[in-house]
């Protein structure tokens, strides 16, 4: 399951800050390891974003808020952060209220080329958390490069409102028939017309179409272009 995240390296000139546009990579993080340092509400918000993507989350903090304490599906280590904690992690999130600890996390991760996000401190980040819209396997991410999370959230809300009901089902339907159509229909243009027709019908019915209806579309388009 893919997760929308910007992973472009962040470079800072000692004399002049360079503005960098971050490219949004979509990558598989299911069953990969992630470290969150911090046990408060800020850390909680990051954990809540990550959990639906199946990542293995380890949270290190001297104390945890009640929500993190009672959360299932994560590993909690109740102590101060140690440099060895970052080993083997796909990415790391620093969400403490201690600037020195956050700086240490950032420096350690960058030295080992481990993507790191320090909450509310863009200069210490090598990736940013996007504002997310997730409907099943459909994921859209929006980022202002750390410049204005509010702006990214504004667009996220607009897009979320625009996503039709049942869109997650529509995406699943197209994914499930993709290989069948590629196998049965050798002509690329004909395939495209079949995908478009099924997409339109599935969208109209909010994802509630049957195998019989799908078969009928494939047969109809096949006869029309046969």
C-alpha atoms as a PDB file:
ATOM      1  CA  UNK A   1       0.000   0.000   0.000  1.00  0.00           C
ATOM      2  CA  UNK A   2       1.453   3.054  -1.053  1.00  0.00           C
ATOM      3  CA  UNK A   3       2.031   6.114   1.117  1.00  0.00           C
ATOM      4  CA  UNK A   4       2.395   9.628  -0.463  1.00  0.00           C
ATOM      5  CA  UNK A   5       5.631  11.143   0.941  1.00  0.00           C
ATOM      6  CA  UNK A   6       8.225  13.637  -0.353  1.00  0.00           C
ATOM      7  CA  UNK A   7      11.714  12.126  -0.022  1.00  0.00           C
ATOM      8  CA  UNK A   8      13.931  14.627  -1.855  1.00  0.00           C
ATOM      9  CA  UNK A   9      17.173  15.450  -0.047  1.00  0.00           C
ATOM     10  CA  UNK A  10      17.233  18.811   1.756  1.00  0.00           C
ATOM     11  CA  UNK A  11      20.318  20.986   1.302  1.00  0.00           C
ATOM     12  CA  UNK A  12      20.984  24.188   3.198  1.00  0.00           C
ATOM     13  CA  UNK A  13      23.690  26.639   2.168  1.00  0.00           C
ATOM     14  CA  UNK A  14      25.517  28.107   5.158  1.00  0.00           C
ATOM     15  CA  UNK A  15      25.177  31.630   3.862  1.00  0.00           C
ATOM     16  CA  UNK A  16      21.916  31.468   1.948  1.00  0.00           C
ATOM     17  CA  UNK A  17      18.873  29.286   2.381  1.00  0.00           C
ATOM     18  CA  UNK A  18      17.898  27.668  -0.897  1.00  0.00           C
ATOM     19  CA  UNK A  19      14.250  27.044  -1.615  1.00  0.00           C
ATOM     20  CA  UNK A  20      13.684  23.478  -2.732  1.00  0.00           C
ATOM     21  CA  UNK A  21      10.667  21.893  -4.391  1.00  0.00           C
ATOM     22  CA  UNK A  22      10.016  18.425  -2.990  1.00  0.00           C
ATOM     23  CA  UNK A  23       9.110  15.620  -5.377  1.00  0.00           C
ATOM     24  CA  UNK A  24       6.288  13.383  -4.068  1.00  0.00           C
ATOM     25  CA  UNK A  25       7.331   9.736  -4.192  1.00  0.00           C
ATOM     26  CA  UNK A  26       4.677   7.101  -3.535  1.00  0.00           C
ATOM     27  CA  UNK A  27       6.328   4.138  -1.879  1.00  0.00           C
ATOM     28  CA  UNK A  28       5.412   0.857  -0.228  1.00  0.00           C
ATOM     29  CA  UNK A  29       5.844   1.057   3.559  1.00  0.00           C
ATOM     30  CA  UNK A  30       3.745  -1.938   4.630  1.00  0.00           C
ATOM     31  CA  UNK A  31       5.704  -4.081   7.119  1.00  0.00           C
ATOM     32  CA  UNK A  32       8.634  -1.638   6.983  1.00  0.00           C
ATOM     33  CA  UNK A  33      10.061  -0.144  10.179  1.00  0.00           C
ATOM     34  CA  UNK A  34       9.472   3.419  11.317  1.00  0.00           C
ATOM     35  CA  UNK A  35      10.629   5.225  14.455  1.00  0.00           C
ATOM     36  CA  UNK A  36       8.639   7.968  16.157  1.00  0.00           C
ATOM     37  CA  UNK A  37      10.457   9.827  18.937  1.00  0.00           C
ATOM     38  CA  UNK A  38       8.005  11.538  21.250  1.00  0.00           C
ATOM     39  CA  UNK A  39       4.921  10.464  23.131  1.00  0.00           C
ATOM     40  CA  UNK A  40       2.594  13.467  23.023  1.00  0.00           C
ATOM     41  CA  UNK A  41      -0.284  14.615  20.871  1.00  0.00           C
ATOM     42  CA  UNK A  42       1.977  15.723  18.007  1.00  0.00           C
ATOM     43  CA  UNK A  43       3.461  12.228  17.808  1.00  0.00           C
ATOM     44  CA  UNK A  44      -0.045  10.787  18.030  1.00  0.00           C
ATOM     45  CA  UNK A  45      -1.162  12.680  14.907  1.00  0.00           C
ATOM     46  CA  UNK A  46       1.771  11.284  12.908  1.00  0.00           C
ATOM     47  CA  UNK A  47       1.119   7.743  14.161  1.00  0.00           C
ATOM     48  CA  UNK A  48      -2.553   7.988  13.231  1.00  0.00           C
ATOM     49  CA  UNK A  49      -1.592   8.981   9.675  1.00  0.00           C
ATOM     50  CA  UNK A  50       0.808   6.056   9.329  1.00  0.00           C
ATOM     51  CA  UNK A  51      -1.175   3.196  10.854  1.00  0.00           C
ATOM     52  CA  UNK A  52      -3.552   2.660   7.890  1.00  0.00           C
ATOM     53  CA  UNK A  53      -0.513   1.947   5.696  1.00  0.00           C
ATOM     54  CA  UNK A  54       0.620  -1.094   7.686  1.00  0.00           C
ATOM     55  CA  UNK A  55       4.022   0.232   8.736  1.00  0.00           C
ATOM     56  CA  UNK A  56       5.706  -1.222  11.855  1.00  0.00           C
ATOM     57  CA  UNK A  57       5.880   1.715  14.266  1.00  0.00           C
ATOM     58  CA  UNK A  58       8.210   1.936  17.257  1.00  0.00           C
ATOM     59  CA  UNK A  59       7.584   4.868  19.596  1.00  0.00           C
ATOM     60  CA  UNK A  60      10.333   5.967  21.993  1.00  0.00           C
ATOM     61  CA  UNK A  61       9.567   8.434  24.777  1.00  0.00           C
ATOM     62  CA  UNK A  62      10.021   8.809  28.559  1.00  0.00           C
ATOM     63  CA  UNK A  63       6.212   9.131  28.787  1.00  0.00           C
ATOM     64  CA  UNK A  64       3.181   8.561  26.560  1.00  0.00           C
ATOM     65  CA  UNK A  65      -0.122  10.361  26.324  1.00  0.00           C
ATOM     66  CA  UNK A  66      -3.160   8.236  27.151  1.00  0.00           C
ATOM     67  CA  UNK A  67      -4.051   7.782  23.472  1.00  0.00           C
ATOM     68  CA  UNK A  68      -0.620   6.378  22.565  1.00  0.00           C
ATOM     69  CA  UNK A  69      -0.520   4.326  25.761  1.00  0.00           C
ATOM     70  CA  UNK A  70      -3.736   2.591  24.788  1.00  0.00           C
ATOM     71  CA  UNK A  71      -3.046   2.286  21.064  1.00  0.00           C
ATOM     72  CA  UNK A  72      -2.789  -1.146  19.459  1.00  0.00           C
ATOM     73  CA  UNK A  73      -0.505  -2.061  16.583  1.00  0.00           C
ATOM     74  CA  UNK A  74       2.564  -0.118  17.763  1.00  0.00           C
ATOM     75  CA  UNK A  75       5.641  -0.887  19.853  1.00  0.00           C
ATOM     76  CA  UNK A  76       6.317   1.419  22.821  1.00  0.00           C
ATOM     77  CA  UNK A  77       9.737   1.879  24.461  1.00  0.00           C
ATOM     78  CA  UNK A  78       9.509   4.047  27.567  1.00  0.00           C
ATOM     79  CA  UNK A  79      12.870   5.769  27.926  1.00  0.00           C
ATOM     80  CA  UNK A  80      14.902   8.605  26.440  1.00  0.00           C
ATOM     81  CA  UNK A  81      15.978   8.455  22.801  1.00  0.00           C
ATOM     82  CA  UNK A  82      19.256   6.660  22.067  1.00  0.00           C
ATOM     83  CA  UNK A  83      21.233   6.902  18.802  1.00  0.00           C
ATOM     84  CA  UNK A  84      20.945   3.153  18.228  1.00  0.00           C
ATOM     85  CA  UNK A  85      17.158   3.543  17.965  1.00  0.00           C
ATOM     86  CA  UNK A  86      17.413   4.711  14.347  1.00  0.00           C
ATOM     87  CA  UNK A  87      19.172   1.557  13.148  1.00  0.00           C
ATOM     88  CA  UNK A  88      17.154  -0.470  10.648  1.00  0.00           C
ATOM     89  CA  UNK A  89      14.472   2.179  10.239  1.00  0.00           C
ATOM     90  CA  UNK A  90      13.069   3.099   6.823  1.00  0.00           C
ATOM     91  CA  UNK A  91      12.332   6.599   8.119  1.00  0.00           C
ATOM     92  CA  UNK A  92      12.279   8.497  11.405  1.00  0.00           C
ATOM     93  CA  UNK A  93      10.004  11.144  12.897  1.00  0.00           C
ATOM     94  CA  UNK A  94      11.147  13.492  15.649  1.00  0.00           C
ATOM     95  CA  UNK A  95       8.153  14.799  17.585  1.00  0.00           C
ATOM     96  CA  UNK A  96       9.627  15.883  20.909  1.00  0.00           C
ATOM     97  CA  UNK A  97       9.500  19.294  22.574  1.00  0.00           C
ATOM     98  CA  UNK A  98      13.277  19.214  23.115  1.00  0.00           C
ATOM     99  CA  UNK A  99      15.143  21.082  20.351  1.00  0.00           C
ATOM    100  CA  UNK A 100      18.466  19.456  21.256  1.00  0.00           C
ATOM    101  CA  UNK A 101      17.017  15.958  20.949  1.00  0.00           C
ATOM    102  CA  UNK A 102      15.308  16.845  17.666  1.00  0.00           C
ATOM    103  CA  UNK A 103      18.585  18.244  16.300  1.00  0.00           C
ATOM    104  CA  UNK A 104      20.435  15.089  17.331  1.00  0.00           C
ATOM    105  CA  UNK A 105      17.843  12.886  15.621  1.00  0.00           C
ATOM    106  CA  UNK A 106      18.099  14.929  12.417  1.00  0.00           C
ATOM    107  CA  UNK A 107      21.904  14.882  12.351  1.00  0.00           C
ATOM    108  CA  UNK A 108      22.120  11.147  13.035  1.00  0.00           C
ATOM    109  CA  UNK A 109      19.594  10.282  10.358  1.00  0.00           C
ATOM    110  CA  UNK A 110      21.119  12.532   7.713  1.00  0.00           C
ATOM    111  CA  UNK A 111      24.567  11.055   8.404  1.00  0.00           C
ATOM    112  CA  UNK A 112      23.120   7.599   7.651  1.00  0.00           C
ATOM    113  CA  UNK A 113      20.860   8.738   4.774  1.00  0.00           C
ATOM    114  CA  UNK A 114      17.723   7.798   6.685  1.00  0.00           C
ATOM    115  CA  UNK A 115      14.781  10.049   5.740  1.00  0.00           C
ATOM    116  CA  UNK A 116      13.818  12.153   8.748  1.00  0.00           C
ATOM    117  CA  UNK A 117      10.955  14.485   9.602  1.00  0.00           C
ATOM    118  CA  UNK A 118      11.284  16.835  12.543  1.00  0.00           C
ATOM    119  CA  UNK A 119       7.838  18.203  13.307  1.00  0.00           C
ATOM    120  CA  UNK A 120       7.494  21.986  12.859  1.00  0.00           C
ATOM    121  CA  UNK A 121      11.166  22.414  11.930  1.00  0.00           C
ATOM    122  CA  UNK A 122      11.565  22.294   8.107  1.00  0.00           C
ATOM    123  CA  UNK A 123      15.310  22.976   8.218  1.00  0.00           C
ATOM    124  CA  UNK A 124      15.889  19.690  10.040  1.00  0.00           C
ATOM    125  CA  UNK A 125      13.711  17.630   7.675  1.00  0.00           C
ATOM    126  CA  UNK A 126      14.643  15.580   4.629  1.00  0.00           C
ATOM    127  CA  UNK A 127      10.978  14.811   3.954  1.00  0.00           C
ATOM    128  CA  UNK A 128       7.632  16.330   4.845  1.00  0.00           C
ATOM    129  CA  UNK A 129       4.376  14.682   5.792  1.00  0.00           C
ATOM    130  CA  UNK A 130       1.779  15.444   3.138  1.00  0.00           C
ATOM    131  CA  UNK A 131      -1.804  16.335   3.875  1.00  0.00           C
ATOM    132  CA  UNK A 132      -3.517  13.097   2.864  1.00  0.00           C
ATOM    133  CA  UNK A 133      -6.705  11.998   1.178  1.00  0.00           C
ATOM    134  CA  UNK A 134      -7.099   8.211   1.436  1.00  0.00           C
ATOM    135  CA  UNK A 135     -10.027   6.257   0.036  1.00  0.00           C
ATOM    136  CA  UNK A 136      -9.076   2.589   0.050  1.00  0.00           C
ATOM    137  CA  UNK A 137      -6.123   2.153  -2.292  1.00  0.00           C
ATOM    138  CA  UNK A 138      -6.578   5.654  -3.697  1.00  0.00           C
ATOM    139  CA  UNK A 139      -4.160   8.065  -2.017  1.00  0.00           C
ATOM    140  CA  UNK A 140      -3.457  11.710  -2.756  1.00  0.00           C
ATOM    141  CA  UNK A 141      -0.847  13.761  -0.925  1.00  0.00           C
ATOM    142  CA  UNK A 142      -0.392  17.538  -0.770  1.00  0.00           C
ATOM    143  CA  UNK A 143       2.594  19.449   0.529  1.00  0.00           C
ATOM    144  CA  UNK A 144       3.729  23.051   0.624  1.00  0.00           C
ATOM    145  CA  UNK A 145       7.320  21.968   1.270  1.00  0.00           C
ATOM    146  CA  UNK A 146       6.916  22.872   4.924  1.00  0.00           C
ATOM    147  CA  UNK A 147       6.098  26.478   4.039  1.00  0.00           C
ATOM    148  CA  UNK A 148       2.413  26.430   4.926  1.00  0.00           C
ATOM    149  CA  UNK A 149       0.766  23.250   6.249  1.00  0.00           C
ATOM    150  CA  UNK A 150      -2.461  25.261   6.397  1.00  0.00           C
ATOM    151  CA  UNK A 151      -2.406  25.729   2.612  1.00  0.00           C
ATOM    152  CA  UNK A 152      -1.854  22.008   2.051  1.00  0.00           C
ATOM    153  CA  UNK A 153      -4.706  21.164   4.419  1.00  0.00           C
ATOM    154  CA  UNK A 154      -6.992  23.586   2.578  1.00  0.00           C
ATOM    155  CA  UNK A 155      -6.398  21.825  -0.749  1.00  0.00           C
ATOM    156  CA  UNK A 156      -6.673  18.418   0.912  1.00  0.00           C
ATOM    157  CA  UNK A 157     -10.128  19.289   2.206  1.00  0.00           C
ATOM    158  CA  UNK A 158     -11.261  20.527  -1.218  1.00  0.00           C
ATOM    159  CA  UNK A 159     -10.068  17.330  -2.900  1.00  0.00           C
ATOM    160  CA  UNK A 160     -11.589  15.101  -0.232  1.00  0.00           C
ATOM    161  CA  UNK A 161     -14.948  16.798  -0.751  1.00  0.00           C
ATOM    162  CA  UNK A 162     -14.627  16.261  -4.516  1.00  0.00           C
ATOM    163  CA  UNK A 163     -13.942  12.506  -4.326  1.00  0.00           C
ATOM    164  CA  UNK A 164     -17.214  10.730  -5.253  1.00  0.00           C
ATOM    165  CA  UNK A 165     -18.919   8.235  -2.968  1.00  0.00           C
ATOM    166  CA  UNK A 166     -17.746   4.699  -3.577  1.00  0.00           C
ATOM    167  CA  UNK A 167     -14.545   5.833  -5.274  1.00  0.00           C
ATOM    168  CA  UNK A 168     -12.519   3.281  -3.305  1.00  0.00           C
ATOM    169  CA  UNK A 169     -14.723   0.525  -4.776  1.00  0.00           C
ATOM    170  CA  UNK A 170     -14.267   1.945  -8.261  1.00  0.00           C
ATOM    171  CA  UNK A 171     -10.481   1.806  -7.897  1.00  0.00           C
ATOM    172  CA  UNK A 172     -10.679  -1.792  -6.630  1.00  0.00           C
ATOM    173  CA  UNK A 173     -12.851  -2.821  -9.583  1.00  0.00           C
ATOM    174  CA  UNK A 174     -10.405  -1.372 -12.117  1.00  0.00           C
ATOM    175  CA  UNK A 175      -7.481  -3.016 -10.327  1.00  0.00           C
ATOM    176  CA  UNK A 176      -9.215  -6.416 -10.255  1.00  0.00           C
ATOM    177  CA  UNK A 177     -10.077  -6.462 -13.972  1.00  0.00           C
ATOM    178  CA  UNK A 178      -6.830  -4.970 -15.218  1.00  0.00           C
ATOM    179  CA  UNK A 179      -4.971  -8.224 -15.809  1.00  0.00           C
ATOM    180  CA  UNK A 180      -8.026  -9.940 -17.294  1.00  0.00           C
ATOM    181  CA  UNK A 181      -8.533  -7.191 -19.875  1.00  0.00           C
ATOM    182  CA  UNK A 182      -4.829  -7.121 -20.738  1.00  0.00           C
ATOM    183  CA  UNK A 183      -4.902 -10.891 -21.270  1.00  0.00           C
ATOM    184  CA  UNK A 184      -8.136 -11.060 -23.265  1.00  0.00           C
ATOM    185  CA  UNK A 185      -7.831  -7.863 -25.324  1.00  0.00           C
ATOM    186  CA  UNK A 186      -4.565  -7.570 -27.285  1.00  0.00           C
ATOM    187  CA  UNK A 187      -5.329  -4.165 -28.810  1.00  0.00           C
ATOM    188  CA  UNK A 188      -4.184  -1.315 -26.535  1.00  0.00           C
ATOM    189  CA  UNK A 189      -6.727   1.225 -27.832  1.00  0.00           C
ATOM    190  CA  UNK A 190      -9.554  -1.263 -27.370  1.00  0.00           C
ATOM    191  CA  UNK A 191      -8.391  -1.976 -23.836  1.00  0.00           C
ATOM    192  CA  UNK A 192      -8.433   1.730 -23.059  1.00  0.00           C
ATOM    193  CA  UNK A 193     -12.036   2.034 -24.275  1.00  0.00           C
ATOM    194  CA  UNK A 194     -13.060  -0.920 -22.088  1.00  0.00           C
ATOM    195  CA  UNK A 195     -11.369   0.581 -19.022  1.00  0.00           C
ATOM    196  CA  UNK A 196     -13.045   3.933 -19.693  1.00  0.00           C
ATOM    197  CA  UNK A 197     -16.476   2.332 -20.101  1.00  0.00           C
ATOM    198  CA  UNK A 198     -16.176   0.261 -16.916  1.00  0.00           C
ATOM    199  CA  UNK A 199     -14.827   3.251 -15.004  1.00  0.00           C
ATOM    200  CA  UNK A 200     -17.762   5.420 -16.112  1.00  0.00           C
ATOM    201  CA  UNK A 201     -20.309   2.750 -15.177  1.00  0.00           C
ATOM    202  CA  UNK A 202     -18.669   2.015 -11.825  1.00  0.00           C
ATOM    203  CA  UNK A 203     -18.511   5.737 -11.041  1.00  0.00           C
ATOM    204  CA  UNK A 204     -22.179   6.176 -11.939  1.00  0.00           C
ATOM    205  CA  UNK A 205     -23.158   3.290  -9.645  1.00  0.00           C
ATOM    206  CA  UNK A 206     -20.780   4.326  -6.822  1.00  0.00           C
ATOM    207  CA  UNK A 207     -18.788   1.143  -7.239  1.00  0.00           C
ATOM    208  CA  UNK A 208     -21.778  -1.169  -7.027  1.00  0.00           C
ATOM    209  CA  UNK A 209     -21.509  -3.055 -10.319  1.00  0.00           C
ATOM    210  CA  UNK A 210     -21.618  -6.810 -10.824  1.00  0.00           C
ATOM    211  CA  UNK A 211     -19.439  -9.268 -12.696  1.00  0.00           C
ATOM    212  CA  UNK A 212     -22.300  -9.669 -15.175  1.00  0.00           C
ATOM    213  CA  UNK A 213     -22.268  -5.927 -15.921  1.00  0.00           C
ATOM    214  CA  UNK A 214     -18.497  -5.970 -16.341  1.00  0.00           C
ATOM    215  CA  UNK A 215     -18.719  -8.955 -18.713  1.00  0.00           C
ATOM    216  CA  UNK A 216     -21.372  -7.109 -20.722  1.00  0.00           C
ATOM    217  CA  UNK A 217     -19.171  -4.034 -21.130  1.00  0.00           C
ATOM    218  CA  UNK A 218     -16.182  -6.112 -22.241  1.00  0.00           C
ATOM    219  CA  UNK A 219     -18.323  -8.080 -24.700  1.00  0.00           C
ATOM    220  CA  UNK A 220     -20.024  -4.949 -26.069  1.00  0.00           C
ATOM    221  CA  UNK A 221     -16.764  -3.069 -26.614  1.00  0.00           C
ATOM    222  CA  UNK A 222     -15.182  -6.177 -28.085  1.00  0.00           C
ATOM    223  CA  UNK A 223     -17.988  -6.600 -30.614  1.00  0.00           C
ATOM    224  CA  UNK A 224     -17.952  -2.888 -31.472  1.00  0.00           C
ATOM    225  CA  UNK A 225     -14.269  -2.952 -32.283  1.00  0.00           C
ATOM    226  CA  UNK A 226     -14.033  -6.552 -33.432  1.00  0.00           C
END
